[in-house]
């Protein structure tokens, strides 16, 4: 089993437990009109899971790792996360990440570690690579997990002290 399967499983489980404890009022609060609330931030993580799910699927049917990006601010607005309930957004987040975990577990090593310099990870990743730097799908999966944890620290202030070992991976 790849190390991130265990890591991702633990993240989903422990984050869901902690996120369930947050109140609707706390999650709807916006510190500034131009800043995301916790509802919108978790909605952004839903959008990220959907986008990465299709990227991981497409990787098997194309000879490169070039994928579309998306306008995260526009998607948060258009998906109207601020008007939804915290429980609905959290249930969606849990479902899409469990679905994504199932897909990741099914990716064979040949695809996972197939090297290429034909990618756009210099544009779509949180940890940007240089254009034409050799990489593989495995990198994109780790980047997804890093991105997820980056925002979980914003949602759950004590997350890093509890799960700091995961973030360093």
C-alpha atoms as a PDB file:
ATOM      1  CA  UNK A   1       0.000   0.000   0.000  1.00  0.00           C
ATOM      2  CA  UNK A   2       1.379   3.410  -0.942  1.00  0.00           C
ATOM      3  CA  UNK A   3       2.108   5.608   2.082  1.00  0.00           C
ATOM      4  CA  UNK A   4      -0.419   8.233   1.058  1.00  0.00           C
ATOM      5  CA  UNK A   5      -3.293   5.744   1.153  1.00  0.00           C
ATOM      6  CA  UNK A   6      -2.828   5.418   4.914  1.00  0.00           C
ATOM      7  CA  UNK A   7      -2.225   9.148   5.277  1.00  0.00           C
ATOM      8  CA  UNK A   8      -5.236  10.142   3.190  1.00  0.00           C
ATOM      9  CA  UNK A   9      -7.491   7.670   5.039  1.00  0.00           C
ATOM     10  CA  UNK A  10      -6.427   9.107   8.415  1.00  0.00           C
ATOM     11  CA  UNK A  11      -6.898  12.669   7.195  1.00  0.00           C
ATOM     12  CA  UNK A  12     -10.428  12.004   5.958  1.00  0.00           C
ATOM     13  CA  UNK A  13     -11.467  10.261   9.156  1.00  0.00           C
ATOM     14  CA  UNK A  14      -9.910  12.611  11.707  1.00  0.00           C
ATOM     15  CA  UNK A  15     -10.799  15.796   9.822  1.00  0.00           C
ATOM     16  CA  UNK A  16     -14.414  14.709   9.407  1.00  0.00           C
ATOM     17  CA  UNK A  17     -14.689  14.040  13.153  1.00  0.00           C
ATOM     18  CA  UNK A  18     -13.245  17.467  13.988  1.00  0.00           C
ATOM     19  CA  UNK A  19     -15.232  19.317  11.312  1.00  0.00           C
ATOM     20  CA  UNK A  20     -18.493  17.818  12.605  1.00  0.00           C
ATOM     21  CA  UNK A  21     -17.926  19.714  15.868  1.00  0.00           C
ATOM     22  CA  UNK A  22     -17.980  23.140  14.200  1.00  0.00           C
ATOM     23  CA  UNK A  23     -21.188  25.137  14.454  1.00  0.00           C
ATOM     24  CA  UNK A  24     -23.197  26.507  11.547  1.00  0.00           C
ATOM     25  CA  UNK A  25     -22.665  30.037  12.858  1.00  0.00           C
ATOM     26  CA  UNK A  26     -18.890  29.646  13.115  1.00  0.00           C
ATOM     27  CA  UNK A  27     -18.700  28.188   9.624  1.00  0.00           C
ATOM     28  CA  UNK A  28     -20.863  30.905   8.055  1.00  0.00           C
ATOM     29  CA  UNK A  29     -18.847  33.769   9.564  1.00  0.00           C
ATOM     30  CA  UNK A  30     -16.776  35.855   7.137  1.00  0.00           C
ATOM     31  CA  UNK A  31     -13.907  37.838   8.652  1.00  0.00           C
ATOM     32  CA  UNK A  32     -14.031  40.140   5.627  1.00  0.00           C
ATOM     33  CA  UNK A  33     -16.462  40.405   2.680  1.00  0.00           C
ATOM     34  CA  UNK A  34     -13.703  39.347   0.270  1.00  0.00           C
ATOM     35  CA  UNK A  35     -12.546  36.369   2.363  1.00  0.00           C
ATOM     36  CA  UNK A  36     -14.041  32.901   2.313  1.00  0.00           C
ATOM     37  CA  UNK A  37     -16.032  31.622   5.254  1.00  0.00           C
ATOM     38  CA  UNK A  38     -15.303  28.109   6.523  1.00  0.00           C
ATOM     39  CA  UNK A  39     -18.297  26.926   4.485  1.00  0.00           C
ATOM     40  CA  UNK A  40     -16.780  28.396   1.341  1.00  0.00           C
ATOM     41  CA  UNK A  41     -13.332  27.050   2.168  1.00  0.00           C
ATOM     42  CA  UNK A  42     -14.674  23.527   2.611  1.00  0.00           C
ATOM     43  CA  UNK A  43     -16.660  24.023  -0.601  1.00  0.00           C
ATOM     44  CA  UNK A  44     -13.390  24.902  -2.327  1.00  0.00           C
ATOM     45  CA  UNK A  45     -12.021  21.554  -1.085  1.00  0.00           C
ATOM     46  CA  UNK A  46     -15.060  19.832  -2.611  1.00  0.00           C
ATOM     47  CA  UNK A  47     -14.310  21.518  -5.942  1.00  0.00           C
ATOM     48  CA  UNK A  48     -10.650  20.527  -5.641  1.00  0.00           C
ATOM     49  CA  UNK A  49     -11.591  16.887  -5.032  1.00  0.00           C
ATOM     50  CA  UNK A  50     -13.872  16.865  -8.073  1.00  0.00           C
ATOM     51  CA  UNK A  51     -11.173  18.417 -10.262  1.00  0.00           C
ATOM     52  CA  UNK A  52      -8.463  16.075  -9.076  1.00  0.00           C
ATOM     53  CA  UNK A  53     -10.710  13.045  -9.442  1.00  0.00           C
ATOM     54  CA  UNK A  54     -11.143  13.762 -13.147  1.00  0.00           C
ATOM     55  CA  UNK A  55      -7.406  14.478 -13.499  1.00  0.00           C
ATOM     56  CA  UNK A  56      -6.470  11.141 -11.932  1.00  0.00           C
ATOM     57  CA  UNK A  57      -8.955   9.370 -14.212  1.00  0.00           C
ATOM     58  CA  UNK A  58      -7.749  11.167 -17.354  1.00  0.00           C
ATOM     59  CA  UNK A  59      -4.116  10.320 -16.627  1.00  0.00           C
ATOM     60  CA  UNK A  60      -4.776   6.721 -17.680  1.00  0.00           C
ATOM     61  CA  UNK A  61      -6.074   7.689 -21.116  1.00  0.00           C
ATOM     62  CA  UNK A  62      -3.586  10.341 -22.149  1.00  0.00           C
ATOM     63  CA  UNK A  63       0.154  10.384 -22.793  1.00  0.00           C
ATOM     64  CA  UNK A  64       0.796  13.458 -20.659  1.00  0.00           C
ATOM     65  CA  UNK A  65      -0.135  15.057 -17.374  1.00  0.00           C
ATOM     66  CA  UNK A  66      -1.640  18.239 -18.773  1.00  0.00           C
ATOM     67  CA  UNK A  67      -4.990  19.073 -17.160  1.00  0.00           C
ATOM     68  CA  UNK A  68      -7.410  21.966 -17.101  1.00  0.00           C
ATOM     69  CA  UNK A  69      -7.315  24.341 -14.209  1.00  0.00           C
ATOM     70  CA  UNK A  70     -10.335  26.155 -12.809  1.00  0.00           C
ATOM     71  CA  UNK A  71     -11.258  29.536 -11.359  1.00  0.00           C
ATOM     72  CA  UNK A  72     -11.574  28.635  -7.694  1.00  0.00           C
ATOM     73  CA  UNK A  73     -13.155  31.928  -6.612  1.00  0.00           C
ATOM     74  CA  UNK A  74     -15.769  31.758  -9.359  1.00  0.00           C
ATOM     75  CA  UNK A  75     -16.591  28.143  -8.541  1.00  0.00           C
ATOM     76  CA  UNK A  76     -17.085  28.917  -4.840  1.00  0.00           C
ATOM     77  CA  UNK A  77     -19.518  31.694  -5.771  1.00  0.00           C
ATOM     78  CA  UNK A  78     -21.344  29.697  -8.464  1.00  0.00           C
ATOM     79  CA  UNK A  79     -21.703  26.658  -6.198  1.00  0.00           C
ATOM     80  CA  UNK A  80     -23.243  28.985  -3.592  1.00  0.00           C
ATOM     81  CA  UNK A  81     -21.530  27.328  -0.645  1.00  0.00           C
ATOM     82  CA  UNK A  82     -22.246  30.262   1.646  1.00  0.00           C
ATOM     83  CA  UNK A  83     -26.004  29.630   1.356  1.00  0.00           C
ATOM     84  CA  UNK A  84     -25.739  25.885   1.990  1.00  0.00           C
ATOM     85  CA  UNK A  85     -25.694  24.242   5.382  1.00  0.00           C
ATOM     86  CA  UNK A  86     -22.424  23.218   6.980  1.00  0.00           C
ATOM     87  CA  UNK A  87     -23.657  19.632   7.314  1.00  0.00           C
ATOM     88  CA  UNK A  88     -24.485  19.416   3.604  1.00  0.00           C
ATOM     89  CA  UNK A  89     -21.086  20.733   2.545  1.00  0.00           C
ATOM     90  CA  UNK A  90     -19.316  18.457   5.023  1.00  0.00           C
ATOM     91  CA  UNK A  91     -21.265  15.397   3.834  1.00  0.00           C
ATOM     92  CA  UNK A  92     -20.341  16.243   0.239  1.00  0.00           C
ATOM     93  CA  UNK A  93     -16.680  16.737   1.185  1.00  0.00           C
ATOM     94  CA  UNK A  94     -16.594  13.370   2.936  1.00  0.00           C
ATOM     95  CA  UNK A  95     -18.308  11.576   0.050  1.00  0.00           C
ATOM     96  CA  UNK A  96     -16.104  12.998  -2.713  1.00  0.00           C
ATOM     97  CA  UNK A  97     -12.910  12.348  -0.771  1.00  0.00           C
ATOM     98  CA  UNK A  98     -13.904   8.750   0.006  1.00  0.00           C
ATOM     99  CA  UNK A  99     -14.704   8.344  -3.690  1.00  0.00           C
ATOM    100  CA  UNK A 100     -11.332   9.860  -4.610  1.00  0.00           C
ATOM    101  CA  UNK A 101      -9.571   7.530  -2.162  1.00  0.00           C
ATOM    102  CA  UNK A 102     -11.151   4.511  -3.870  1.00  0.00           C
ATOM    103  CA  UNK A 103      -9.869   5.712  -7.237  1.00  0.00           C
ATOM    104  CA  UNK A 104      -6.359   6.360  -5.905  1.00  0.00           C
ATOM    105  CA  UNK A 105      -6.219   2.872  -4.388  1.00  0.00           C
ATOM    106  CA  UNK A 106      -7.023   1.377  -7.798  1.00  0.00           C
ATOM    107  CA  UNK A 107      -4.287   3.192  -9.753  1.00  0.00           C
ATOM    108  CA  UNK A 108      -1.613   0.719 -10.785  1.00  0.00           C
ATOM    109  CA  UNK A 109       2.052   1.447 -10.174  1.00  0.00           C
ATOM    110  CA  UNK A 110       2.886   1.701 -13.883  1.00  0.00           C
ATOM    111  CA  UNK A 111       0.549   4.671 -14.236  1.00  0.00           C
ATOM    112  CA  UNK A 112       1.382   6.099 -10.829  1.00  0.00           C
ATOM    113  CA  UNK A 113       5.122   6.280 -11.464  1.00  0.00           C
ATOM    114  CA  UNK A 114       5.185   6.744 -15.256  1.00  0.00           C
ATOM    115  CA  UNK A 115       7.663   9.593 -15.804  1.00  0.00           C
ATOM    116  CA  UNK A 116       6.977  12.523 -18.106  1.00  0.00           C
ATOM    117  CA  UNK A 117       8.140  16.061 -18.724  1.00  0.00           C
ATOM    118  CA  UNK A 118       4.868  16.831 -20.523  1.00  0.00           C
ATOM    119  CA  UNK A 119       2.777  18.343 -17.712  1.00  0.00           C
ATOM    120  CA  UNK A 120       1.381  21.634 -16.464  1.00  0.00           C
ATOM    121  CA  UNK A 121       2.221  21.184 -12.786  1.00  0.00           C
ATOM    122  CA  UNK A 122       3.908  24.574 -13.034  1.00  0.00           C
ATOM    123  CA  UNK A 123       0.366  26.001 -13.269  1.00  0.00           C
ATOM    124  CA  UNK A 124      -2.073  23.692 -11.443  1.00  0.00           C
ATOM    125  CA  UNK A 125      -0.175  22.373  -8.417  1.00  0.00           C
ATOM    126  CA  UNK A 126       0.111  24.012  -5.045  1.00  0.00           C
ATOM    127  CA  UNK A 127       3.783  22.978  -4.923  1.00  0.00           C
ATOM    128  CA  UNK A 128       4.684  24.171  -8.391  1.00  0.00           C
ATOM    129  CA  UNK A 129       7.229  22.278 -10.463  1.00  0.00           C
ATOM    130  CA  UNK A 130       9.334  23.823 -13.174  1.00  0.00           C
ATOM    131  CA  UNK A 131       7.963  23.484 -16.673  1.00  0.00           C
ATOM    132  CA  UNK A 132       9.424  20.342 -18.285  1.00  0.00           C
ATOM    133  CA  UNK A 133      10.736  19.007 -14.958  1.00  0.00           C
ATOM    134  CA  UNK A 134      10.303  15.236 -14.882  1.00  0.00           C
ATOM    135  CA  UNK A 135       7.387  14.095 -12.754  1.00  0.00           C
ATOM    136  CA  UNK A 136       4.603  11.531 -12.475  1.00  0.00           C
ATOM    137  CA  UNK A 137       0.995  11.156 -11.326  1.00  0.00           C
ATOM    138  CA  UNK A 138       2.242  10.245  -7.856  1.00  0.00           C
ATOM    139  CA  UNK A 139       3.427  13.861  -7.471  1.00  0.00           C
ATOM    140  CA  UNK A 140      -0.020  15.233  -8.275  1.00  0.00           C
ATOM    141  CA  UNK A 141      -1.645  12.952  -5.694  1.00  0.00           C
ATOM    142  CA  UNK A 142       0.769  14.080  -2.975  1.00  0.00           C
ATOM    143  CA  UNK A 143       0.156  17.674  -4.012  1.00  0.00           C
ATOM    144  CA  UNK A 144      -3.598  17.135  -3.622  1.00  0.00           C
ATOM    145  CA  UNK A 145      -3.074  15.830  -0.085  1.00  0.00           C
ATOM    146  CA  UNK A 146      -0.761  18.752   0.728  1.00  0.00           C
ATOM    147  CA  UNK A 147      -3.396  21.199  -0.573  1.00  0.00           C
ATOM    148  CA  UNK A 148      -6.096  19.470   1.469  1.00  0.00           C
ATOM    149  CA  UNK A 149      -4.066  19.704   4.656  1.00  0.00           C
ATOM    150  CA  UNK A 150      -3.054  23.286   3.968  1.00  0.00           C
ATOM    151  CA  UNK A 151      -6.722  24.272   4.088  1.00  0.00           C
ATOM    152  CA  UNK A 152      -7.629  21.939   6.952  1.00  0.00           C
ATOM    153  CA  UNK A 153      -5.153  23.913   9.081  1.00  0.00           C
ATOM    154  CA  UNK A 154      -7.196  27.022   8.218  1.00  0.00           C
ATOM    155  CA  UNK A 155     -10.460  25.290   9.095  1.00  0.00           C
ATOM    156  CA  UNK A 156      -9.191  23.612  12.261  1.00  0.00           C
ATOM    157  CA  UNK A 157      -6.575  25.717  14.075  1.00  0.00           C
ATOM    158  CA  UNK A 158      -5.347  22.756  16.159  1.00  0.00           C
ATOM    159  CA  UNK A 159      -5.056  20.488  13.113  1.00  0.00           C
ATOM    160  CA  UNK A 160      -1.322  20.994  12.605  1.00  0.00           C
ATOM    161  CA  UNK A 161      -0.437  20.142  16.196  1.00  0.00           C
ATOM    162  CA  UNK A 162      -2.517  16.957  15.958  1.00  0.00           C
ATOM    163  CA  UNK A 163      -1.510  15.926  12.411  1.00  0.00           C
ATOM    164  CA  UNK A 164       1.819  17.656  11.843  1.00  0.00           C
ATOM    165  CA  UNK A 165       3.437  14.404  10.687  1.00  0.00           C
ATOM    166  CA  UNK A 166       1.146  14.249   7.684  1.00  0.00           C
ATOM    167  CA  UNK A 167       1.887  17.763   6.487  1.00  0.00           C
ATOM    168  CA  UNK A 168       5.602  17.084   6.177  1.00  0.00           C
ATOM    169  CA  UNK A 169       5.012  14.275   3.675  1.00  0.00           C
END
